[in-house]
Amino acid sequence: MSAEPPAASEARINLRSIKALCVDSNQLGLEILGQMLMGFGVERIVRAQSGEEARRIVKAEAIDLILCDASLADETGYELIRWLRRSDIEPNRFAPIIVVSGHTREREVNNARDAGANFVVAKPTSPAVLMQRIYWVAQGGRSFVEAPNFTGPDRRFKFDGPPNGGGGRRKCDLSGELGDAKDPNLSQDEIDSVIKPQKVSL
C-alpha cells in the first residue's frame, strides 16, 4: 500500500457516472468526504454513519467506490470491509475500498490491507491525495484473491516472484530452479556485435 500513484496533474478520469459510498460516524468527516467527491465530479454519493447502515446500503444497491473511516461507532472499518469481501454481495464485494484513518502506523495499514482494502489515506487528507488514490485503483491491474485466510485485491504491488527459499503461492509464480540451456551460448564475437554501437547511414 505504499506504491506511489501518479501525480494529480497526470490523472484524467471521469467519475460522473459512478456511485460512491462514504462511511464515517463523524458527521463533519462525512461531509468533507462528500464535498471532495463532488469536487471530483461524482454526482451520486450515498452516506452512512455506522457499519450497520453501510451493510444495509451495500445489500440494497450497487456501489462503485467505498470510502470508509477506520473507526466507526458500532464496529471498526476493517470489520466492515472483511465482512463485505467475504460476502456473496456482487458486484459490491469487488468494489474498490479506500480506508480513511487518523492513525497510519504500519500496524493500521497492515490491518486495512489484510481486511481487503485497496488503500489507506491519512487524515486530514487533501483532495489531491484522495484523487491520486482513486485514480490508482481505477487503473486496475491487481487481481482479486480469494483464499482461506484472505479475500481482496492482491496485496503484492511488486511482481518479483516468490520469496527466496520458498515456493510460490500463485499459479503464475515460476520456480526458482534454472533449467539447462536450450540453445548454445553466444560466442564473444556475437555478444560484441549485439552490444557494439552500429553506424547507421541515413
N, C-alpha and C. Protein backbone atom coordinates (compact mmCIF):
# COMPACT_ATOMS: atom_id res chain seq x y z
N MET A 1 0.81 -1.20 0.00
CA MET A 1 0.00 0.00 0.00
C MET A 1 0.85 1.26 0.00
N SER A 2 2.11 1.09 -0.25
CA SER A 2 2.99 2.24 -0.22
C SER A 2 3.45 2.66 -1.61
N ALA A 3 2.99 1.98 -2.65
CA ALA A 3 3.38 2.35 -4.01
C ALA A 3 2.85 3.73 -4.33
N GLU A 4 3.64 4.50 -5.06
CA GLU A 4 3.27 5.87 -5.36
C GLU A 4 2.36 5.97 -6.57
N PRO A 5 1.16 6.52 -6.39
CA PRO A 5 0.27 6.75 -7.52
C PRO A 5 0.80 7.88 -8.39
N PRO A 6 0.27 8.04 -9.59
CA PRO A 6 0.71 9.14 -10.44
C PRO A 6 0.32 10.48 -9.86
N ALA A 7 1.04 11.51 -10.23
CA ALA A 7 0.72 12.85 -9.74
C ALA A 7 -0.67 13.25 -10.18
N ALA A 8 -1.30 14.10 -9.36
CA ALA A 8 -2.68 14.52 -9.64
C ALA A 8 -2.78 15.20 -10.99
N SER A 9 -1.71 15.90 -11.41
CA SER A 9 -1.75 16.59 -12.68
C SER A 9 -1.83 15.63 -13.86
N GLU A 10 -1.38 14.35 -13.64
CA GLU A 10 -1.41 13.37 -14.71
C GLU A 10 -2.74 12.61 -14.76
N ALA A 11 -3.53 12.72 -13.68
CA ALA A 11 -4.75 11.92 -13.57
C ALA A 11 -5.86 12.49 -14.45
N ARG A 12 -6.43 11.65 -15.28
CA ARG A 12 -7.56 12.02 -16.13
C ARG A 12 -8.59 10.92 -16.02
N ILE A 13 -9.67 11.18 -15.31
CA ILE A 13 -10.67 10.15 -15.09
C ILE A 13 -12.03 10.81 -14.91
N ASN A 14 -13.05 10.21 -15.50
CA ASN A 14 -14.41 10.74 -15.41
C ASN A 14 -15.17 9.95 -14.35
N LEU A 15 -15.51 10.62 -13.25
CA LEU A 15 -16.20 9.96 -12.14
C LEU A 15 -17.69 10.28 -12.09
N ARG A 16 -18.18 10.94 -13.10
CA ARG A 16 -19.57 11.39 -13.07
C ARG A 16 -20.58 10.25 -12.96
N SER A 17 -20.28 9.11 -13.57
CA SER A 17 -21.27 8.04 -13.64
C SER A 17 -21.20 7.06 -12.47
N ILE A 18 -20.20 7.21 -11.58
CA ILE A 18 -20.08 6.22 -10.51
C ILE A 18 -20.98 6.56 -9.33
N LYS A 19 -21.23 5.55 -8.51
CA LYS A 19 -21.93 5.75 -7.24
C LYS A 19 -20.95 5.42 -6.13
N ALA A 20 -20.75 6.38 -5.22
CA ALA A 20 -19.79 6.22 -4.14
C ALA A 20 -20.51 6.15 -2.80
N LEU A 21 -19.98 5.31 -1.91
CA LEU A 21 -20.49 5.19 -0.55
C LEU A 21 -19.43 5.74 0.40
N CYS A 22 -19.82 6.71 1.22
CA CYS A 22 -18.94 7.26 2.26
C CYS A 22 -19.44 6.77 3.61
N VAL A 23 -18.56 6.18 4.39
CA VAL A 23 -18.93 5.64 5.71
C VAL A 23 -18.06 6.30 6.77
N ASP A 24 -18.70 7.07 7.65
CA ASP A 24 -17.98 7.77 8.72
C ASP A 24 -18.99 8.12 9.82
N SER A 25 -18.67 7.79 11.04
CA SER A 25 -19.59 8.08 12.15
C SER A 25 -19.56 9.55 12.53
N ASN A 26 -18.54 10.26 12.10
CA ASN A 26 -18.44 11.70 12.38
C ASN A 26 -19.11 12.47 11.24
N GLN A 27 -20.11 13.26 11.57
CA GLN A 27 -20.87 13.98 10.54
C GLN A 27 -19.99 14.92 9.73
N LEU A 28 -19.05 15.61 10.42
CA LEU A 28 -18.16 16.52 9.71
C LEU A 28 -17.26 15.76 8.74
N GLY A 29 -16.72 14.63 9.20
CA GLY A 29 -15.88 13.81 8.33
C GLY A 29 -16.65 13.32 7.12
N LEU A 30 -17.91 12.97 7.33
CA LEU A 30 -18.76 12.51 6.24
C LEU A 30 -18.98 13.62 5.22
N GLU A 31 -19.21 14.82 5.71
CA GLU A 31 -19.42 15.96 4.81
C GLU A 31 -18.16 16.30 4.02
N ILE A 32 -17.00 16.22 4.68
CA ILE A 32 -15.74 16.53 3.99
C ILE A 32 -15.50 15.54 2.85
N LEU A 33 -15.71 14.24 3.13
CA LEU A 33 -15.53 13.24 2.07
C LEU A 33 -16.50 13.50 0.92
N GLY A 34 -17.76 13.78 1.26
CA GLY A 34 -18.76 14.05 0.23
C GLY A 34 -18.41 15.26 -0.61
N GLN A 35 -17.93 16.33 0.02
CA GLN A 35 -17.56 17.55 -0.70
C GLN A 35 -16.40 17.29 -1.66
N MET A 36 -15.42 16.50 -1.21
CA MET A 36 -14.29 16.20 -2.08
C MET A 36 -14.75 15.39 -3.29
N LEU A 37 -15.60 14.40 -3.06
CA LEU A 37 -16.09 13.60 -4.18
C LEU A 37 -16.89 14.45 -5.16
N MET A 38 -17.72 15.35 -4.64
CA MET A 38 -18.47 16.24 -5.54
C MET A 38 -17.52 17.12 -6.34
N GLY A 39 -16.42 17.52 -5.71
CA GLY A 39 -15.42 18.32 -6.42
C GLY A 39 -14.75 17.53 -7.53
N PHE A 40 -14.73 16.19 -7.41
CA PHE A 40 -14.16 15.34 -8.46
C PHE A 40 -15.18 15.03 -9.56
N GLY A 41 -16.42 15.51 -9.38
CA GLY A 41 -17.44 15.26 -10.39
C GLY A 41 -18.40 14.12 -10.08
N VAL A 42 -18.26 13.49 -8.90
CA VAL A 42 -19.16 12.40 -8.53
C VAL A 42 -20.54 12.98 -8.21
N GLU A 43 -21.55 12.50 -8.89
CA GLU A 43 -22.90 13.04 -8.71
C GLU A 43 -23.78 12.19 -7.80
N ARG A 44 -23.43 10.90 -7.66
CA ARG A 44 -24.24 10.02 -6.83
C ARG A 44 -23.41 9.56 -5.62
N ILE A 45 -23.72 10.14 -4.47
CA ILE A 45 -22.99 9.85 -3.24
C ILE A 45 -23.98 9.38 -2.18
N VAL A 46 -23.71 8.22 -1.60
CA VAL A 46 -24.55 7.67 -0.53
C VAL A 46 -23.73 7.76 0.75
N ARG A 47 -24.37 8.17 1.85
CA ARG A 47 -23.66 8.34 3.12
C ARG A 47 -24.20 7.40 4.18
N ALA A 48 -23.29 6.88 5.01
CA ALA A 48 -23.68 6.02 6.13
C ALA A 48 -22.86 6.43 7.35
N GLN A 49 -23.53 6.49 8.52
CA GLN A 49 -22.85 6.90 9.75
C GLN A 49 -22.53 5.73 10.68
N SER A 50 -22.77 4.52 10.22
CA SER A 50 -22.45 3.34 11.04
C SER A 50 -22.19 2.15 10.12
N GLY A 51 -21.57 1.13 10.67
CA GLY A 51 -21.35 -0.08 9.91
C GLY A 51 -22.67 -0.75 9.56
N GLU A 52 -23.61 -0.72 10.50
CA GLU A 52 -24.91 -1.34 10.24
C GLU A 52 -25.63 -0.67 9.07
N GLU A 53 -25.58 0.65 9.04
CA GLU A 53 -26.22 1.39 7.93
C GLU A 53 -25.51 1.09 6.61
N ALA A 54 -24.19 1.01 6.65
CA ALA A 54 -23.43 0.71 5.44
C ALA A 54 -23.77 -0.69 4.91
N ARG A 55 -23.94 -1.65 5.81
CA ARG A 55 -24.29 -3.01 5.40
C ARG A 55 -25.65 -3.04 4.70
N ARG A 56 -26.60 -2.28 5.23
CA ARG A 56 -27.93 -2.22 4.59
C ARG A 56 -27.82 -1.64 3.18
N ILE A 57 -26.99 -0.62 3.03
CA ILE A 57 -26.86 0.04 1.73
C ILE A 57 -26.23 -0.90 0.71
N VAL A 58 -25.13 -1.59 1.07
CA VAL A 58 -24.46 -2.44 0.08
C VAL A 58 -25.30 -3.67 -0.28
N LYS A 59 -26.23 -4.04 0.59
CA LYS A 59 -27.14 -5.14 0.26
C LYS A 59 -28.24 -4.69 -0.70
N ALA A 60 -28.52 -3.38 -0.71
CA ALA A 60 -29.67 -2.88 -1.47
C ALA A 60 -29.33 -2.27 -2.82
N GLU A 61 -28.12 -1.74 -2.98
CA GLU A 61 -27.80 -1.04 -4.23
C GLU A 61 -26.34 -1.24 -4.63
N ALA A 62 -26.09 -1.16 -5.93
CA ALA A 62 -24.74 -1.35 -6.46
C ALA A 62 -23.88 -0.13 -6.16
N ILE A 63 -22.67 -0.36 -5.68
CA ILE A 63 -21.73 0.70 -5.32
C ILE A 63 -20.45 0.50 -6.12
N ASP A 64 -19.90 1.60 -6.63
CA ASP A 64 -18.68 1.53 -7.44
C ASP A 64 -17.40 1.85 -6.66
N LEU A 65 -17.52 2.62 -5.58
CA LEU A 65 -16.36 3.05 -4.79
C LEU A 65 -16.80 3.24 -3.35
N ILE A 66 -15.98 2.77 -2.40
CA ILE A 66 -16.30 2.93 -0.99
C ILE A 66 -15.15 3.65 -0.29
N LEU A 67 -15.50 4.72 0.44
CA LEU A 67 -14.56 5.42 1.31
C LEU A 67 -15.02 5.15 2.73
N CYS A 68 -14.18 4.55 3.55
CA CYS A 68 -14.61 4.10 4.87
C CYS A 68 -13.63 4.55 5.94
N ASP A 69 -14.15 5.16 6.99
CA ASP A 69 -13.32 5.52 8.13
C ASP A 69 -12.89 4.26 8.87
N ALA A 70 -11.70 4.27 9.44
CA ALA A 70 -11.20 3.10 10.14
C ALA A 70 -11.95 2.84 11.44
N SER A 71 -12.48 3.90 12.07
CA SER A 71 -13.18 3.76 13.35
C SER A 71 -14.62 4.22 13.20
N LEU A 72 -15.54 3.27 13.31
CA LEU A 72 -16.96 3.59 13.24
C LEU A 72 -17.57 3.46 14.64
N ALA A 73 -18.79 3.94 14.81
CA ALA A 73 -19.41 3.94 16.12
C ALA A 73 -19.71 2.53 16.62
N ASP A 74 -20.07 1.64 15.71
CA ASP A 74 -20.52 0.31 16.13
C ASP A 74 -19.54 -0.82 15.79
N GLU A 75 -18.52 -0.55 15.00
CA GLU A 75 -17.51 -1.55 14.66
C GLU A 75 -16.35 -0.83 14.00
N THR A 76 -15.26 -1.55 13.74
CA THR A 76 -14.16 -0.92 13.03
C THR A 76 -14.44 -0.99 11.53
N GLY A 77 -13.82 -0.08 10.79
CA GLY A 77 -13.95 -0.14 9.34
C GLY A 77 -13.39 -1.43 8.78
N TYR A 78 -12.37 -1.98 9.45
CA TYR A 78 -11.76 -3.23 8.99
C TYR A 78 -12.74 -4.39 9.08
N GLU A 79 -13.56 -4.42 10.14
CA GLU A 79 -14.56 -5.48 10.28
C GLU A 79 -15.60 -5.38 9.17
N LEU A 80 -16.00 -4.15 8.85
CA LEU A 80 -16.97 -3.94 7.77
C LEU A 80 -16.39 -4.41 6.44
N ILE A 81 -15.15 -4.05 6.18
CA ILE A 81 -14.51 -4.43 4.91
C ILE A 81 -14.37 -5.95 4.82
N ARG A 82 -13.90 -6.56 5.89
CA ARG A 82 -13.72 -8.02 5.89
C ARG A 82 -15.06 -8.73 5.64
N TRP A 83 -16.12 -8.22 6.27
CA TRP A 83 -17.45 -8.80 6.07
C TRP A 83 -17.87 -8.69 4.60
N LEU A 84 -17.68 -7.51 4.01
CA LEU A 84 -18.10 -7.30 2.63
C LEU A 84 -17.29 -8.17 1.67
N ARG A 85 -15.99 -8.22 1.83
CA ARG A 85 -15.15 -9.01 0.94
C ARG A 85 -15.52 -10.49 0.96
N ARG A 86 -15.92 -10.99 2.12
CA ARG A 86 -16.24 -12.42 2.24
C ARG A 86 -17.72 -12.72 2.02
N SER A 87 -18.50 -11.69 1.72
CA SER A 87 -19.92 -11.90 1.47
C SER A 87 -20.13 -12.38 0.04
N ASP A 88 -21.39 -12.65 -0.29
CA ASP A 88 -21.73 -13.02 -1.67
C ASP A 88 -22.47 -11.88 -2.38
N ILE A 89 -22.26 -10.65 -1.89
CA ILE A 89 -22.94 -9.48 -2.44
C ILE A 89 -22.17 -8.98 -3.66
N GLU A 90 -22.64 -9.32 -4.83
CA GLU A 90 -21.97 -8.89 -6.06
C GLU A 90 -22.79 -7.81 -6.75
N PRO A 91 -22.13 -6.81 -7.34
CA PRO A 91 -20.67 -6.68 -7.52
C PRO A 91 -19.97 -5.96 -6.36
N ASN A 92 -20.71 -5.58 -5.31
CA ASN A 92 -20.14 -4.73 -4.27
C ASN A 92 -18.94 -5.33 -3.54
N ARG A 93 -18.88 -6.64 -3.42
CA ARG A 93 -17.75 -7.24 -2.70
C ARG A 93 -16.43 -6.99 -3.42
N PHE A 94 -16.50 -6.66 -4.73
CA PHE A 94 -15.29 -6.39 -5.51
C PHE A 94 -15.00 -4.89 -5.63
N ALA A 95 -15.85 -4.04 -5.05
CA ALA A 95 -15.69 -2.59 -5.21
C ALA A 95 -14.38 -2.11 -4.57
N PRO A 96 -13.71 -1.15 -5.18
CA PRO A 96 -12.51 -0.57 -4.56
C PRO A 96 -12.88 0.08 -3.23
N ILE A 97 -12.05 -0.16 -2.21
CA ILE A 97 -12.29 0.41 -0.87
C ILE A 97 -11.05 1.16 -0.42
N ILE A 98 -11.25 2.42 -0.07
CA ILE A 98 -10.17 3.26 0.46
C ILE A 98 -10.50 3.56 1.92
N VAL A 99 -9.58 3.22 2.81
CA VAL A 99 -9.76 3.49 4.24
C VAL A 99 -9.19 4.87 4.55
N VAL A 100 -9.97 5.65 5.29
CA VAL A 100 -9.53 6.97 5.75
C VAL A 100 -9.27 6.84 7.25
N SER A 101 -8.05 7.11 7.68
CA SER A 101 -7.70 6.86 9.08
C SER A 101 -6.85 7.97 9.66
N GLY A 102 -7.12 8.27 10.94
CA GLY A 102 -6.29 9.23 11.66
C GLY A 102 -5.00 8.61 12.14
N HIS A 103 -4.92 7.27 12.08
CA HIS A 103 -3.73 6.56 12.52
C HIS A 103 -3.21 5.72 11.35
N THR A 104 -2.04 6.08 10.85
CA THR A 104 -1.50 5.35 9.70
C THR A 104 -0.17 4.69 10.06
N ARG A 105 -0.07 4.23 11.31
CA ARG A 105 1.09 3.42 11.68
C ARG A 105 1.06 2.13 10.87
N GLU A 106 2.21 1.49 10.79
CA GLU A 106 2.33 0.29 9.97
C GLU A 106 1.29 -0.76 10.35
N ARG A 107 1.01 -0.91 11.66
CA ARG A 107 0.04 -1.90 12.10
C ARG A 107 -1.35 -1.61 11.53
N GLU A 108 -1.73 -0.32 11.51
CA GLU A 108 -3.04 0.06 10.99
C GLU A 108 -3.12 -0.18 9.48
N VAL A 109 -2.05 0.15 8.77
CA VAL A 109 -2.02 -0.07 7.33
C VAL A 109 -2.13 -1.56 7.03
N ASN A 110 -1.41 -2.37 7.82
CA ASN A 110 -1.48 -3.83 7.64
C ASN A 110 -2.88 -4.36 7.93
N ASN A 111 -3.54 -3.81 8.96
CA ASN A 111 -4.90 -4.23 9.27
C ASN A 111 -5.84 -3.96 8.10
N ALA A 112 -5.70 -2.78 7.50
CA ALA A 112 -6.55 -2.42 6.36
C ALA A 112 -6.26 -3.32 5.17
N ARG A 113 -5.00 -3.54 4.90
CA ARG A 113 -4.60 -4.41 3.78
C ARG A 113 -5.13 -5.83 3.97
N ASP A 114 -4.97 -6.35 5.19
CA ASP A 114 -5.38 -7.73 5.47
C ASP A 114 -6.90 -7.89 5.49
N ALA A 115 -7.61 -6.80 5.74
CA ALA A 115 -9.08 -6.85 5.70
C ALA A 115 -9.60 -6.87 4.26
N GLY A 116 -8.77 -6.37 3.32
CA GLY A 116 -9.18 -6.36 1.92
C GLY A 116 -9.33 -4.98 1.32
N ALA A 117 -8.80 -3.95 2.01
CA ALA A 117 -8.86 -2.59 1.47
C ALA A 117 -7.84 -2.42 0.35
N ASN A 118 -8.12 -1.47 -0.55
CA ASN A 118 -7.17 -1.18 -1.63
C ASN A 118 -6.08 -0.22 -1.18
N PHE A 119 -6.46 0.80 -0.39
CA PHE A 119 -5.51 1.81 0.05
C PHE A 119 -5.92 2.38 1.39
N VAL A 120 -4.97 3.04 2.06
CA VAL A 120 -5.22 3.80 3.28
C VAL A 120 -4.80 5.23 3.00
N VAL A 121 -5.66 6.17 3.40
CA VAL A 121 -5.38 7.60 3.26
C VAL A 121 -5.38 8.20 4.67
N ALA A 122 -4.35 8.97 4.99
CA ALA A 122 -4.24 9.57 6.32
C ALA A 122 -5.12 10.80 6.45
N LYS A 123 -5.72 10.96 7.63
CA LYS A 123 -6.46 12.18 7.94
C LYS A 123 -5.50 13.20 8.55
N PRO A 124 -5.70 14.48 8.35
CA PRO A 124 -6.64 15.05 7.37
C PRO A 124 -6.08 14.88 5.97
N THR A 125 -6.92 14.45 5.06
CA THR A 125 -6.46 14.22 3.70
C THR A 125 -6.77 15.42 2.82
N SER A 126 -6.02 15.54 1.75
CA SER A 126 -6.25 16.62 0.80
C SER A 126 -6.96 16.05 -0.42
N PRO A 127 -7.69 16.88 -1.16
CA PRO A 127 -8.32 16.40 -2.39
C PRO A 127 -7.31 15.79 -3.36
N ALA A 128 -6.11 16.37 -3.45
CA ALA A 128 -5.10 15.86 -4.40
C ALA A 128 -4.69 14.43 -4.04
N VAL A 129 -4.46 14.16 -2.76
CA VAL A 129 -4.05 12.82 -2.33
C VAL A 129 -5.18 11.82 -2.56
N LEU A 130 -6.40 12.20 -2.20
CA LEU A 130 -7.52 11.29 -2.38
C LEU A 130 -7.74 11.00 -3.86
N MET A 131 -7.61 12.03 -4.71
CA MET A 131 -7.79 11.82 -6.14
C MET A 131 -6.73 10.88 -6.70
N GLN A 132 -5.49 11.01 -6.20
CA GLN A 132 -4.42 10.11 -6.65
C GLN A 132 -4.77 8.66 -6.34
N ARG A 133 -5.29 8.41 -5.14
CA ARG A 133 -5.62 7.05 -4.74
C ARG A 133 -6.78 6.50 -5.58
N ILE A 134 -7.77 7.34 -5.83
CA ILE A 134 -8.90 6.91 -6.65
C ILE A 134 -8.43 6.60 -8.07
N TYR A 135 -7.58 7.46 -8.60
CA TYR A 135 -7.05 7.24 -9.95
C TYR A 135 -6.27 5.93 -10.01
N TRP A 136 -5.49 5.68 -8.95
CA TRP A 136 -4.66 4.47 -8.90
C TRP A 136 -5.53 3.22 -8.94
N VAL A 137 -6.58 3.16 -8.10
CA VAL A 137 -7.41 1.95 -8.09
C VAL A 137 -8.22 1.83 -9.37
N ALA A 138 -8.54 2.98 -10.00
CA ALA A 138 -9.30 2.93 -11.25
C ALA A 138 -8.49 2.30 -12.38
N GLN A 139 -7.18 2.34 -12.28
CA GLN A 139 -6.33 1.77 -13.32
C GLN A 139 -6.34 0.25 -13.31
N GLY A 140 -6.79 -0.33 -12.18
CA GLY A 140 -6.87 -1.79 -12.10
C GLY A 140 -5.49 -2.41 -12.06
N GLY A 141 -5.40 -3.65 -12.56
CA GLY A 141 -4.12 -4.33 -12.61
C GLY A 141 -3.86 -5.26 -11.44
N ARG A 142 -4.62 -5.12 -10.35
CA ARG A 142 -4.44 -6.01 -9.20
C ARG A 142 -5.56 -7.05 -9.21
N SER A 143 -5.19 -8.30 -9.28
CA SER A 143 -6.20 -9.36 -9.32
C SER A 143 -6.87 -9.50 -7.97
N PHE A 144 -8.09 -10.03 -7.97
CA PHE A 144 -8.85 -10.25 -6.75
C PHE A 144 -8.54 -11.66 -6.26
N VAL A 145 -8.08 -11.76 -5.03
CA VAL A 145 -7.63 -13.02 -4.45
C VAL A 145 -8.68 -13.55 -3.49
N GLU A 146 -9.01 -14.83 -3.61
CA GLU A 146 -9.90 -15.49 -2.67
C GLU A 146 -9.18 -16.71 -2.11
N ALA A 147 -8.82 -16.63 -0.83
CA ALA A 147 -8.08 -17.70 -0.16
C ALA A 147 -8.72 -17.93 1.21
N PRO A 148 -8.38 -19.04 1.87
CA PRO A 148 -9.00 -19.32 3.17
C PRO A 148 -8.81 -18.20 4.20
N ASN A 149 -7.66 -17.52 4.19
CA ASN A 149 -7.39 -16.50 5.20
C ASN A 149 -7.41 -15.07 4.68
N PHE A 150 -7.74 -14.90 3.41
CA PHE A 150 -7.75 -13.54 2.85
C PHE A 150 -8.63 -13.48 1.62
N THR A 151 -9.41 -12.41 1.54
CA THR A 151 -10.20 -12.12 0.35
C THR A 151 -10.08 -10.63 0.06
N GLY A 152 -9.63 -10.29 -1.15
CA GLY A 152 -9.48 -8.89 -1.50
C GLY A 152 -8.49 -8.71 -2.63
N PRO A 153 -8.13 -7.46 -2.94
CA PRO A 153 -7.16 -7.22 -4.01
C PRO A 153 -5.79 -7.76 -3.62
N ASP A 154 -5.06 -8.25 -4.61
CA ASP A 154 -3.73 -8.80 -4.39
C ASP A 154 -2.90 -7.81 -3.57
N ARG A 155 -2.32 -8.29 -2.48
CA ARG A 155 -1.56 -7.41 -1.59
C ARG A 155 -0.17 -7.10 -2.11
N ARG A 156 0.25 -7.78 -3.18
CA ARG A 156 1.58 -7.54 -3.73
C ARG A 156 1.52 -6.46 -4.80
N PHE A 157 2.36 -5.44 -4.64
CA PHE A 157 2.50 -4.42 -5.67
C PHE A 157 3.62 -4.75 -6.63
N LYS A 158 4.65 -5.43 -6.12
CA LYS A 158 5.80 -5.79 -6.95
C LYS A 158 5.67 -7.25 -7.32
N PHE A 159 5.96 -7.57 -8.54
CA PHE A 159 5.86 -8.94 -9.02
C PHE A 159 7.27 -9.48 -9.26
N ASP A 160 7.99 -9.69 -8.16
CA ASP A 160 9.37 -10.15 -8.23
C ASP A 160 9.47 -11.66 -8.07
N GLY A 161 8.37 -12.35 -8.14
CA GLY A 161 8.39 -13.80 -7.96
C GLY A 161 8.28 -14.17 -6.50
N PRO A 162 8.32 -15.46 -6.20
CA PRO A 162 8.19 -15.91 -4.81
C PRO A 162 9.38 -15.51 -3.97
N PRO A 163 9.20 -15.43 -2.64
CA PRO A 163 10.33 -15.08 -1.77
C PRO A 163 11.44 -16.12 -1.86
N ASN A 164 12.66 -15.70 -1.54
CA ASN A 164 13.80 -16.63 -1.56
C ASN A 164 13.59 -17.75 -0.54
N GLY A 165 13.94 -18.95 -0.93
CA GLY A 165 13.85 -20.07 -0.01
C GLY A 165 12.50 -20.74 0.05
N GLY A 166 11.56 -20.31 -0.74
CA GLY A 166 10.23 -20.92 -0.69
C GLY A 166 9.59 -20.96 -2.06
N GLY A 167 8.61 -21.80 -2.20
CA GLY A 167 7.89 -21.88 -3.47
C GLY A 167 6.84 -20.79 -3.57
N GLY A 168 6.37 -20.54 -4.76
CA GLY A 168 5.34 -19.54 -4.97
C GLY A 168 3.98 -20.03 -4.49
N ARG A 169 3.10 -19.08 -4.19
CA ARG A 169 1.76 -19.43 -3.73
C ARG A 169 0.71 -19.20 -4.80
N ARG A 170 1.13 -18.73 -5.97
CA ARG A 170 0.19 -18.46 -7.03
C ARG A 170 0.54 -19.29 -8.27
N LYS A 171 -0.45 -19.56 -9.08
CA LYS A 171 -0.23 -20.39 -10.27
C LYS A 171 0.77 -19.75 -11.22
N CYS A 172 0.83 -18.40 -11.21
CA CYS A 172 1.70 -17.71 -12.16
C CYS A 172 3.14 -17.60 -11.66
N ASP A 173 3.41 -17.97 -10.39
CA ASP A 173 4.77 -17.90 -9.87
C ASP A 173 5.64 -18.98 -10.52
N LEU A 174 6.80 -18.57 -10.99
CA LEU A 174 7.72 -19.50 -11.63
C LEU A 174 8.66 -20.11 -10.59
N SER A 175 9.15 -21.25 -10.87
CA SER A 175 10.10 -21.92 -9.99
C SER A 175 11.43 -21.17 -10.02
N GLY A 176 12.14 -21.22 -8.89
CA GLY A 176 13.46 -20.59 -8.82
C GLY A 176 14.54 -21.46 -9.43
N GLU A 177 14.19 -22.67 -9.82
CA GLU A 177 15.17 -23.59 -10.41
C GLU A 177 15.45 -23.20 -11.86
N LEU A 178 16.73 -23.15 -12.22
CA LEU A 178 17.12 -22.85 -13.60
C LEU A 178 17.35 -24.16 -14.34
N GLY A 179 16.80 -24.25 -15.53
CA GLY A 179 16.99 -25.45 -16.34
C GLY A 179 18.22 -25.35 -17.21
N ASP A 180 18.47 -26.39 -17.96
CA ASP A 180 19.60 -26.40 -18.89
C ASP A 180 19.30 -25.49 -20.07
N ALA A 181 20.36 -24.94 -20.65
CA ALA A 181 20.20 -24.06 -21.81
C ALA A 181 19.61 -24.83 -22.98
N LYS A 182 18.71 -24.19 -23.71
CA LYS A 182 18.09 -24.84 -24.87
C LYS A 182 18.89 -24.62 -26.14
N ASP A 183 19.65 -23.50 -26.19
CA ASP A 183 20.47 -23.17 -27.35
C ASP A 183 21.91 -23.00 -26.90
N PRO A 184 22.87 -23.14 -27.82
CA PRO A 184 24.27 -22.95 -27.43
C PRO A 184 24.53 -21.49 -27.03
N ASN A 185 25.51 -21.31 -26.16
CA ASN A 185 25.87 -19.95 -25.73
C ASN A 185 26.40 -19.14 -26.92
N LEU A 186 26.22 -17.83 -26.83
CA LEU A 186 26.76 -16.94 -27.87
C LEU A 186 28.28 -16.89 -27.75
N SER A 187 28.95 -16.75 -28.90
CA SER A 187 30.40 -16.55 -28.87
C SER A 187 30.68 -15.11 -28.47
N GLN A 188 31.93 -14.81 -28.11
CA GLN A 188 32.27 -13.44 -27.72
C GLN A 188 32.04 -12.47 -28.88
N ASP A 189 32.34 -12.89 -30.11
CA ASP A 189 32.11 -12.03 -31.28
C ASP A 189 30.63 -11.70 -31.43
N GLU A 190 29.77 -12.70 -31.19
CA GLU A 190 28.31 -12.48 -31.30
C GLU A 190 27.82 -11.54 -30.21
N ILE A 191 28.35 -11.68 -29.00
CA ILE A 191 27.97 -10.77 -27.91
C ILE A 191 28.41 -9.35 -28.24
N ASP A 192 29.66 -9.21 -28.75
CA ASP A 192 30.18 -7.89 -29.10
C ASP A 192 29.34 -7.23 -30.19
N SER A 193 28.88 -8.03 -31.14
CA SER A 193 28.10 -7.45 -32.25
C SER A 193 26.73 -6.96 -31.78
N VAL A 194 26.23 -7.56 -30.72
CA VAL A 194 24.93 -7.14 -30.16
C VAL A 194 25.10 -5.85 -29.37
N ILE A 195 26.17 -5.76 -28.60
CA ILE A 195 26.36 -4.62 -27.69
C ILE A 195 27.01 -3.43 -28.39
N LYS A 196 27.89 -3.69 -29.36
CA LYS A 196 28.64 -2.62 -30.01
C LYS A 196 27.70 -1.69 -30.79
N PRO A 197 27.83 -0.37 -30.60
CA PRO A 197 27.00 0.56 -31.37
C PRO A 197 27.27 0.42 -32.87
N GLN A 198 26.22 0.44 -33.64
CA GLN A 198 26.34 0.27 -35.09
C GLN A 198 26.18 1.63 -35.77
N LYS A 199 26.99 1.87 -36.78
CA LYS A 199 26.86 3.10 -37.57
C LYS A 199 25.73 2.93 -38.55
N VAL A 200 24.85 3.91 -38.57
CA VAL A 200 23.69 3.83 -39.46
C VAL A 200 23.82 4.92 -40.52
N SER A 201 23.66 4.54 -41.79
CA SER A 201 23.69 5.51 -42.89
C SER A 201 22.28 5.99 -43.16
N LEU A 202 22.12 7.30 -43.18
CA LEU A 202 20.79 7.90 -43.46
C LEU A 202 20.76 8.46 -44.86
